[in-house]
């Protein structure tokens, strides 16, 4: 019996958590952002980016970032720019950084 069957959880499941860091909400993403998780990621990202100003997402725990996830990041970035803010991606994992580099979205990375 696999760990997946023992726990009833999918492997590489997307987990989201929002914290407040000195008045700035940060959306922490952990796990896989693939096509199967795109709707869940879009919901969390748009809820997190509901207001004007800068939006921060921490990608340090992302082990896979698909084209569907990249399209959502690009959409959020464009929407925040229209509102006078920007999307800031913090501490992307190696996998996330490679996907961002290849897609041309590496400019969203802080630092």
N, C-alpha and C. Protein backbone atom coordinates (compact mmCIF):
# COMPACT_ATOMS: atom_id res chain seq x y z
N UNK A 1 0.85 -1.17 0.00
CA UNK A 1 0.00 0.00 0.00
C UNK A 1 0.90 1.24 0.00
N UNK A 2 0.60 2.19 -0.86
CA UNK A 2 1.42 3.40 -0.95
C UNK A 2 1.01 4.42 0.08
N UNK A 3 1.89 5.40 0.29
CA UNK A 3 1.57 6.48 1.23
C UNK A 3 0.34 7.24 0.78
N UNK A 4 0.17 7.35 -0.53
CA UNK A 4 -1.00 8.05 -1.05
C UNK A 4 -2.28 7.35 -0.62
N UNK A 5 -2.32 6.04 -0.70
CA UNK A 5 -3.52 5.30 -0.30
C UNK A 5 -3.69 5.32 1.21
N UNK A 6 -2.59 5.28 1.94
CA UNK A 6 -2.67 5.30 3.40
C UNK A 6 -3.29 6.60 3.90
N UNK A 7 -2.90 7.72 3.33
CA UNK A 7 -3.35 9.01 3.83
C UNK A 7 -4.57 9.53 3.10
N UNK A 8 -4.86 8.98 1.93
CA UNK A 8 -5.98 9.49 1.14
C UNK A 8 -5.65 10.80 0.43
N UNK A 9 -4.38 11.20 0.43
CA UNK A 9 -3.98 12.45 -0.21
C UNK A 9 -3.26 12.17 -1.52
N UNK A 10 -3.43 13.09 -2.44
CA UNK A 10 -2.68 13.01 -3.70
C UNK A 10 -1.23 13.39 -3.44
N UNK A 11 -0.33 12.77 -4.17
CA UNK A 11 1.06 13.19 -4.12
C UNK A 11 1.18 14.53 -4.81
N UNK A 12 2.09 15.34 -4.38
CA UNK A 12 2.38 16.66 -4.96
C UNK A 12 1.20 17.60 -4.90
N UNK A 13 0.36 17.45 -3.95
CA UNK A 13 -0.81 18.31 -3.81
C UNK A 13 -0.38 19.76 -3.59
N UNK A 14 -1.14 20.68 -4.11
CA UNK A 14 -0.89 22.10 -3.92
C UNK A 14 -1.44 22.53 -2.56
N UNK A 15 -0.61 23.18 -1.78
CA UNK A 15 -1.02 23.74 -0.50
C UNK A 15 -0.79 25.24 -0.54
N UNK A 16 -1.74 25.99 -0.01
CA UNK A 16 -1.60 27.44 0.05
C UNK A 16 -1.81 27.91 1.48
N UNK A 17 -1.10 28.95 1.83
CA UNK A 17 -1.22 29.53 3.16
C UNK A 17 -0.88 31.01 3.05
N UNK A 18 -1.68 31.85 3.64
CA UNK A 18 -1.42 33.29 3.61
C UNK A 18 -1.02 33.75 5.00
N UNK A 19 0.05 34.52 5.05
CA UNK A 19 0.47 35.13 6.30
C UNK A 19 0.65 36.63 6.07
N UNK A 20 0.73 37.35 7.15
CA UNK A 20 0.94 38.79 7.09
C UNK A 20 2.35 39.09 7.58
N UNK A 21 3.13 39.76 6.74
CA UNK A 21 4.49 40.13 7.10
C UNK A 21 4.59 41.65 7.09
N UNK A 22 4.55 42.25 8.25
CA UNK A 22 4.65 43.70 8.42
C UNK A 22 3.63 44.43 7.55
N UNK A 23 2.39 43.94 7.59
CA UNK A 23 1.31 44.58 6.87
C UNK A 23 1.15 44.15 5.42
N UNK A 24 2.04 43.29 4.94
CA UNK A 24 1.95 42.80 3.56
C UNK A 24 1.54 41.35 3.57
N UNK A 25 0.40 41.02 2.94
CA UNK A 25 0.02 39.60 2.87
C UNK A 25 0.91 38.85 1.89
N UNK A 26 1.35 37.66 2.31
CA UNK A 26 2.20 36.82 1.48
C UNK A 26 1.50 35.48 1.30
N UNK A 27 1.34 35.07 0.04
CA UNK A 27 0.76 33.77 -0.28
C UNK A 27 1.89 32.78 -0.45
N UNK A 28 1.95 31.78 0.44
CA UNK A 28 2.96 30.72 0.35
C UNK A 28 2.35 29.56 -0.43
N UNK A 29 3.07 29.09 -1.43
CA UNK A 29 2.63 27.97 -2.26
C UNK A 29 3.61 26.82 -2.08
N UNK A 30 3.06 25.63 -1.86
CA UNK A 30 3.87 24.44 -1.67
C UNK A 30 3.29 23.32 -2.49
N UNK A 31 4.16 22.60 -3.19
CA UNK A 31 3.72 21.45 -3.97
C UNK A 31 3.73 21.71 -5.46
N UNK A 32 2.84 21.06 -6.13
CA UNK A 32 2.79 21.04 -7.58
C UNK A 32 1.74 22.03 -8.10
N UNK A 33 2.14 22.84 -9.08
CA UNK A 33 1.18 23.71 -9.76
C UNK A 33 1.14 23.25 -11.21
N UNK A 34 0.36 22.21 -11.44
CA UNK A 34 0.20 21.63 -12.77
C UNK A 34 -1.19 21.93 -13.31
N UNK A 35 -1.53 21.32 -14.42
CA UNK A 35 -2.84 21.54 -15.04
C UNK A 35 -3.97 21.12 -14.10
N UNK A 36 -3.79 20.02 -13.37
CA UNK A 36 -4.84 19.54 -12.48
C UNK A 36 -5.09 20.49 -11.31
N UNK A 37 -4.06 21.25 -10.93
CA UNK A 37 -4.19 22.18 -9.80
C UNK A 37 -4.47 23.61 -10.24
N UNK A 38 -4.58 23.85 -11.54
CA UNK A 38 -4.70 25.22 -12.06
C UNK A 38 -5.91 25.96 -11.49
N UNK A 39 -7.05 25.33 -11.42
CA UNK A 39 -8.25 26.01 -10.90
C UNK A 39 -8.08 26.38 -9.43
N UNK A 40 -7.53 25.46 -8.65
CA UNK A 40 -7.28 25.73 -7.23
C UNK A 40 -6.28 26.88 -7.07
N UNK A 41 -5.21 26.86 -7.88
CA UNK A 41 -4.21 27.91 -7.82
C UNK A 41 -4.80 29.26 -8.26
N UNK A 42 -5.58 29.25 -9.32
CA UNK A 42 -6.19 30.49 -9.80
C UNK A 42 -7.09 31.10 -8.72
N UNK A 43 -7.88 30.27 -8.08
CA UNK A 43 -8.77 30.75 -7.02
C UNK A 43 -7.96 31.40 -5.89
N UNK A 44 -6.92 30.71 -5.42
CA UNK A 44 -6.09 31.23 -4.33
C UNK A 44 -5.37 32.50 -4.75
N UNK A 45 -4.84 32.52 -5.97
CA UNK A 45 -4.09 33.70 -6.45
C UNK A 45 -4.99 34.91 -6.60
N UNK A 46 -6.17 34.73 -7.18
CA UNK A 46 -7.08 35.86 -7.39
C UNK A 46 -7.67 36.35 -6.07
N UNK A 47 -7.92 35.45 -5.14
CA UNK A 47 -8.39 35.87 -3.83
C UNK A 47 -7.30 36.66 -3.10
N UNK A 48 -6.08 36.21 -3.23
CA UNK A 48 -4.94 36.89 -2.61
C UNK A 48 -4.70 38.26 -3.24
N UNK A 49 -4.94 38.37 -4.54
CA UNK A 49 -4.69 39.61 -5.28
C UNK A 49 -5.96 40.42 -5.46
N UNK A 50 -6.85 40.38 -4.50
CA UNK A 50 -8.15 41.04 -4.65
C UNK A 50 -8.07 42.55 -4.65
N UNK A 51 -7.08 43.12 -4.00
CA UNK A 51 -7.01 44.57 -3.89
C UNK A 51 -5.92 45.17 -4.76
N UNK A 52 -5.82 46.49 -4.71
CA UNK A 52 -4.76 47.17 -5.45
C UNK A 52 -3.42 47.01 -4.73
N UNK A 53 -2.37 47.43 -5.37
CA UNK A 53 -1.04 47.39 -4.75
C UNK A 53 -0.28 46.14 -5.10
N UNK A 54 0.83 45.96 -4.42
CA UNK A 54 1.69 44.82 -4.69
C UNK A 54 1.14 43.54 -4.08
N UNK A 55 1.40 42.44 -4.77
CA UNK A 55 1.01 41.11 -4.33
C UNK A 55 2.29 40.29 -4.24
N UNK A 56 2.48 39.58 -3.12
CA UNK A 56 3.68 38.77 -2.92
C UNK A 56 3.28 37.31 -2.84
N UNK A 57 3.98 36.48 -3.63
CA UNK A 57 3.79 35.03 -3.58
C UNK A 57 5.15 34.40 -3.36
N UNK A 58 5.23 33.50 -2.39
CA UNK A 58 6.46 32.79 -2.09
C UNK A 58 6.40 31.43 -2.77
N UNK A 59 7.37 31.17 -3.65
CA UNK A 59 7.40 29.94 -4.44
C UNK A 59 8.48 28.97 -3.98
N UNK A 60 9.00 29.15 -2.78
CA UNK A 60 10.11 28.32 -2.32
C UNK A 60 9.74 26.84 -2.19
N UNK A 61 8.46 26.54 -2.00
CA UNK A 61 8.03 25.15 -1.84
C UNK A 61 7.41 24.54 -3.07
N UNK A 62 7.50 25.21 -4.21
CA UNK A 62 6.89 24.71 -5.45
C UNK A 62 7.86 23.74 -6.13
N UNK A 63 7.41 22.50 -6.36
CA UNK A 63 8.30 21.53 -7.01
C UNK A 63 8.00 21.32 -8.49
N UNK A 64 6.95 21.95 -8.99
CA UNK A 64 6.61 21.87 -10.42
C UNK A 64 5.70 23.03 -10.76
N UNK A 65 5.99 23.70 -11.88
CA UNK A 65 5.19 24.83 -12.33
C UNK A 65 4.93 24.67 -13.82
N UNK A 66 3.68 24.36 -14.17
CA UNK A 66 3.31 24.08 -15.56
C UNK A 66 2.97 25.37 -16.31
N UNK A 67 2.70 25.22 -17.60
CA UNK A 67 2.29 26.37 -18.41
C UNK A 67 0.97 26.94 -17.92
N UNK A 68 0.10 26.11 -17.39
CA UNK A 68 -1.17 26.61 -16.83
C UNK A 68 -0.90 27.53 -15.64
N UNK A 69 0.01 27.13 -14.77
CA UNK A 69 0.39 27.96 -13.63
C UNK A 69 1.06 29.25 -14.07
N UNK A 70 1.90 29.16 -15.08
CA UNK A 70 2.57 30.36 -15.61
C UNK A 70 1.56 31.35 -16.18
N UNK A 71 0.55 30.85 -16.88
CA UNK A 71 -0.48 31.74 -17.43
C UNK A 71 -1.23 32.48 -16.32
N UNK A 72 -1.48 31.79 -15.21
CA UNK A 72 -2.16 32.42 -14.08
C UNK A 72 -1.27 33.50 -13.48
N UNK A 73 0.01 33.22 -13.32
CA UNK A 73 0.94 34.23 -12.80
C UNK A 73 0.99 35.44 -13.73
N UNK A 74 1.03 35.20 -15.02
CA UNK A 74 1.06 36.31 -15.99
C UNK A 74 -0.22 37.13 -15.91
N UNK A 75 -1.37 36.47 -15.78
CA UNK A 75 -2.64 37.18 -15.67
C UNK A 75 -2.67 38.05 -14.41
N UNK A 76 -2.25 37.49 -13.27
CA UNK A 76 -2.24 38.25 -12.02
C UNK A 76 -1.29 39.44 -12.14
N UNK A 77 -0.14 39.23 -12.75
CA UNK A 77 0.82 40.32 -12.93
C UNK A 77 0.23 41.45 -13.77
N UNK A 78 -0.44 41.10 -14.85
CA UNK A 78 -1.06 42.12 -15.71
C UNK A 78 -2.18 42.84 -14.98
N UNK A 79 -2.97 42.10 -14.25
CA UNK A 79 -4.08 42.71 -13.51
C UNK A 79 -3.59 43.66 -12.43
N UNK A 80 -2.56 43.26 -11.70
CA UNK A 80 -2.03 44.15 -10.66
C UNK A 80 -1.40 45.39 -11.29
N UNK A 81 -0.76 45.26 -12.43
CA UNK A 81 -0.17 46.42 -13.11
C UNK A 81 -1.25 47.41 -13.50
N UNK A 82 -2.39 46.91 -13.95
CA UNK A 82 -3.52 47.79 -14.29
C UNK A 82 -4.05 48.53 -13.07
N UNK A 83 -3.84 47.96 -11.89
CA UNK A 83 -4.31 48.55 -10.63
C UNK A 83 -3.22 49.39 -9.94
N UNK A 84 -2.10 49.55 -10.59
CA UNK A 84 -1.03 50.36 -10.03
C UNK A 84 -0.08 49.61 -9.12
N UNK A 85 -0.12 48.31 -9.12
CA UNK A 85 0.77 47.50 -8.29
C UNK A 85 1.55 46.53 -9.14
N UNK A 86 2.12 45.55 -8.49
CA UNK A 86 2.83 44.51 -9.22
C UNK A 86 2.79 43.19 -8.47
N UNK A 87 3.01 42.12 -9.21
CA UNK A 87 3.15 40.80 -8.63
C UNK A 87 4.63 40.59 -8.35
N UNK A 88 4.95 40.24 -7.12
CA UNK A 88 6.33 39.96 -6.73
C UNK A 88 6.44 38.50 -6.33
N UNK A 89 7.30 37.77 -7.01
CA UNK A 89 7.51 36.36 -6.70
C UNK A 89 8.77 36.24 -5.86
N UNK A 90 8.65 35.59 -4.73
CA UNK A 90 9.75 35.51 -3.79
C UNK A 90 10.29 34.10 -3.69
N UNK A 91 11.61 33.99 -3.64
CA UNK A 91 12.33 32.75 -3.35
C UNK A 91 11.86 31.54 -4.16
N UNK A 92 11.79 31.64 -5.49
CA UNK A 92 11.32 30.48 -6.24
C UNK A 92 12.28 29.30 -6.11
N UNK A 93 11.72 28.11 -6.01
CA UNK A 93 12.52 26.90 -6.01
C UNK A 93 13.24 26.79 -7.36
N UNK A 94 14.17 25.86 -7.45
CA UNK A 94 14.89 25.66 -8.72
C UNK A 94 13.91 25.34 -9.83
N UNK A 95 12.95 24.46 -9.56
CA UNK A 95 11.96 24.08 -10.59
C UNK A 95 11.13 25.28 -11.02
N UNK A 96 10.68 26.08 -10.07
CA UNK A 96 9.86 27.25 -10.40
C UNK A 96 10.69 28.28 -11.15
N UNK A 97 11.95 28.49 -10.72
CA UNK A 97 12.81 29.47 -11.39
C UNK A 97 13.06 29.08 -12.85
N UNK A 98 13.31 27.80 -13.09
CA UNK A 98 13.53 27.35 -14.47
C UNK A 98 12.31 27.63 -15.34
N UNK A 99 11.13 27.31 -14.83
CA UNK A 99 9.91 27.56 -15.59
C UNK A 99 9.73 29.05 -15.85
N UNK A 100 9.99 29.88 -14.85
CA UNK A 100 9.87 31.33 -15.01
C UNK A 100 10.89 31.86 -16.01
N UNK A 101 12.13 31.36 -15.95
CA UNK A 101 13.16 31.76 -16.89
C UNK A 101 12.78 31.42 -18.33
N UNK A 102 12.35 30.18 -18.53
CA UNK A 102 12.00 29.72 -19.88
C UNK A 102 10.78 30.45 -20.43
N UNK A 103 9.88 30.87 -19.57
CA UNK A 103 8.65 31.52 -20.03
C UNK A 103 8.81 33.02 -20.25
N UNK A 104 9.92 33.59 -19.79
CA UNK A 104 10.10 35.04 -19.90
C UNK A 104 9.51 35.80 -18.75
N UNK A 105 9.09 35.11 -17.69
CA UNK A 105 8.47 35.78 -16.54
C UNK A 105 9.44 35.97 -15.38
N UNK A 106 10.72 35.76 -15.61
CA UNK A 106 11.70 35.88 -14.53
C UNK A 106 11.77 37.30 -13.97
N UNK A 107 11.30 38.29 -14.71
CA UNK A 107 11.30 39.66 -14.22
C UNK A 107 10.36 39.87 -13.04
N UNK A 108 9.49 38.92 -12.78
CA UNK A 108 8.58 39.02 -11.63
C UNK A 108 9.24 38.63 -10.32
N UNK A 109 10.45 38.01 -10.40
CA UNK A 109 11.14 37.52 -9.21
C UNK A 109 11.76 38.71 -8.47
N UNK A 110 11.50 38.78 -7.18
CA UNK A 110 12.16 39.79 -6.34
C UNK A 110 13.63 39.46 -6.20
N UNK A 111 14.45 40.49 -6.29
CA UNK A 111 15.88 40.30 -6.04
C UNK A 111 16.57 39.76 -7.16
